[in-house]
Amino acid sequence: MADHKHGEMDIKEQISTFDGFVKFTTWTVVAILGILVFLAVFAT
């Protein structure tokens, strides 16, 4: 079994995936809030 050495794993893909997830979540929340504001202003 190979010895594990802390800090040697390449995590570029994981960082990229996480950054994409955070951006997607942020824009989704902004869109939902925009829709809610729109509905609150123009609801009859």
N, C-alpha and C. Protein backbone atom coordinates (compact mmCIF):
# COMPACT_ATOMS: atom_id res chain seq x y z
N MET A 1 0.84 -1.17 0.00
CA MET A 1 0.00 0.00 0.00
C MET A 1 0.89 1.24 0.00
N ALA A 2 0.50 2.23 -0.79
CA ALA A 2 1.31 3.45 -0.91
C ALA A 2 1.19 4.30 0.36
N ASP A 3 2.26 4.98 0.67
CA ASP A 3 2.23 5.88 1.82
C ASP A 3 1.53 7.18 1.43
N HIS A 4 0.68 7.66 2.30
CA HIS A 4 -0.01 8.92 2.06
C HIS A 4 0.85 10.07 2.57
N LYS A 5 1.04 11.07 1.74
CA LYS A 5 1.78 12.26 2.14
C LYS A 5 0.84 13.45 2.03
N HIS A 6 0.60 14.09 3.15
CA HIS A 6 -0.34 15.20 3.22
C HIS A 6 0.09 16.34 2.29
N GLY A 7 -0.87 16.85 1.49
CA GLY A 7 -0.63 18.02 0.66
C GLY A 7 -0.09 17.74 -0.72
N GLU A 8 0.01 16.48 -1.13
CA GLU A 8 0.57 16.18 -2.44
C GLU A 8 -0.48 15.91 -3.51
N MET A 9 -1.75 15.83 -3.14
CA MET A 9 -2.78 15.52 -4.12
C MET A 9 -3.10 16.74 -4.98
N ASP A 10 -3.32 16.52 -6.27
CA ASP A 10 -3.69 17.60 -7.19
C ASP A 10 -5.19 17.83 -7.07
N ILE A 11 -5.58 19.01 -6.57
CA ILE A 11 -7.00 19.27 -6.34
C ILE A 11 -7.54 20.38 -7.24
N LYS A 12 -6.89 20.62 -8.37
CA LYS A 12 -7.35 21.68 -9.28
C LYS A 12 -8.77 21.42 -9.76
N GLU A 13 -9.09 20.18 -10.10
CA GLU A 13 -10.45 19.85 -10.57
C GLU A 13 -11.48 20.09 -9.48
N GLN A 14 -11.16 19.71 -8.26
CA GLN A 14 -12.10 19.91 -7.16
C GLN A 14 -12.34 21.40 -6.90
N ILE A 15 -11.28 22.18 -6.96
CA ILE A 15 -11.41 23.62 -6.75
C ILE A 15 -12.25 24.24 -7.86
N SER A 16 -12.01 23.83 -9.09
CA SER A 16 -12.76 24.35 -10.23
C SER A 16 -14.24 23.98 -10.11
N THR A 17 -14.52 22.75 -9.73
CA THR A 17 -15.90 22.30 -9.57
C THR A 17 -16.59 23.07 -8.46
N PHE A 18 -15.92 23.25 -7.34
CA PHE A 18 -16.50 23.99 -6.22
C PHE A 18 -16.77 25.43 -6.59
N ASP A 19 -15.81 26.08 -7.28
CA ASP A 19 -16.01 27.46 -7.72
C ASP A 19 -17.21 27.58 -8.64
N GLY A 20 -17.36 26.63 -9.55
CA GLY A 20 -18.52 26.63 -10.44
C GLY A 20 -19.82 26.45 -9.68
N PHE A 21 -19.81 25.57 -8.69
CA PHE A 21 -21.00 25.35 -7.87
C PHE A 21 -21.37 26.61 -7.11
N VAL A 22 -20.40 27.30 -6.54
CA VAL A 22 -20.67 28.52 -5.78
C VAL A 22 -21.23 29.60 -6.70
N LYS A 23 -20.66 29.75 -7.90
CA LYS A 23 -21.17 30.75 -8.85
C LYS A 23 -22.60 30.42 -9.27
N PHE A 24 -22.85 29.15 -9.58
CA PHE A 24 -24.18 28.73 -9.97
C PHE A 24 -25.19 29.00 -8.86
N THR A 25 -24.83 28.65 -7.64
CA THR A 25 -25.73 28.86 -6.50
C THR A 25 -25.99 30.34 -6.27
N THR A 26 -24.95 31.15 -6.37
CA THR A 26 -25.09 32.59 -6.17
C THR A 26 -26.04 33.18 -7.20
N TRP A 27 -25.84 32.86 -8.49
CA TRP A 27 -26.69 33.40 -9.54
C TRP A 27 -28.12 32.88 -9.45
N THR A 28 -28.29 31.65 -8.99
CA THR A 28 -29.63 31.10 -8.80
C THR A 28 -30.37 31.85 -7.69
N VAL A 29 -29.69 32.12 -6.59
CA VAL A 29 -30.31 32.87 -5.49
C VAL A 29 -30.65 34.28 -5.94
N VAL A 30 -29.77 34.93 -6.68
CA VAL A 30 -30.04 36.28 -7.19
C VAL A 30 -31.26 36.26 -8.11
N ALA A 31 -31.35 35.27 -8.99
CA ALA A 31 -32.49 35.17 -9.89
C ALA A 31 -33.79 34.95 -9.12
N ILE A 32 -33.77 34.08 -8.13
CA ILE A 32 -34.97 33.81 -7.33
C ILE A 32 -35.40 35.07 -6.58
N LEU A 33 -34.44 35.78 -6.00
CA LEU A 33 -34.78 37.02 -5.30
C LEU A 33 -35.35 38.05 -6.27
N GLY A 34 -34.79 38.13 -7.47
CA GLY A 34 -35.32 39.05 -8.48
C GLY A 34 -36.74 38.71 -8.86
N ILE A 35 -37.03 37.43 -9.02
CA ILE A 35 -38.39 36.99 -9.34
C ILE A 35 -39.34 37.33 -8.19
N LEU A 36 -38.91 37.09 -6.97
CA LEU A 36 -39.74 37.40 -5.81
C LEU A 36 -40.03 38.90 -5.70
N VAL A 37 -39.03 39.72 -5.94
CA VAL A 37 -39.24 41.17 -5.91
C VAL A 37 -40.19 41.58 -7.02
N PHE A 38 -40.02 41.04 -8.22
CA PHE A 38 -40.90 41.32 -9.34
C PHE A 38 -42.35 40.97 -8.99
N LEU A 39 -42.54 39.78 -8.43
CA LEU A 39 -43.89 39.35 -8.07
C LEU A 39 -44.47 40.22 -6.95
N ALA A 40 -43.65 40.65 -6.01
CA ALA A 40 -44.14 41.50 -4.92
C ALA A 40 -44.56 42.87 -5.44
N VAL A 41 -43.84 43.38 -6.42
CA VAL A 41 -44.14 44.73 -6.94
C VAL A 41 -45.35 44.69 -7.87
N PHE A 42 -45.43 43.69 -8.73
CA PHE A 42 -46.46 43.68 -9.76
C PHE A 42 -47.61 42.70 -9.50
N ALA A 43 -47.67 42.13 -8.34
CA ALA A 43 -48.76 41.21 -8.02
C ALA A 43 -50.06 41.99 -7.85
N THR A 44 -51.12 41.42 -8.34
CA THR A 44 -52.43 42.10 -8.21
C THR A 44 -53.41 41.21 -7.50
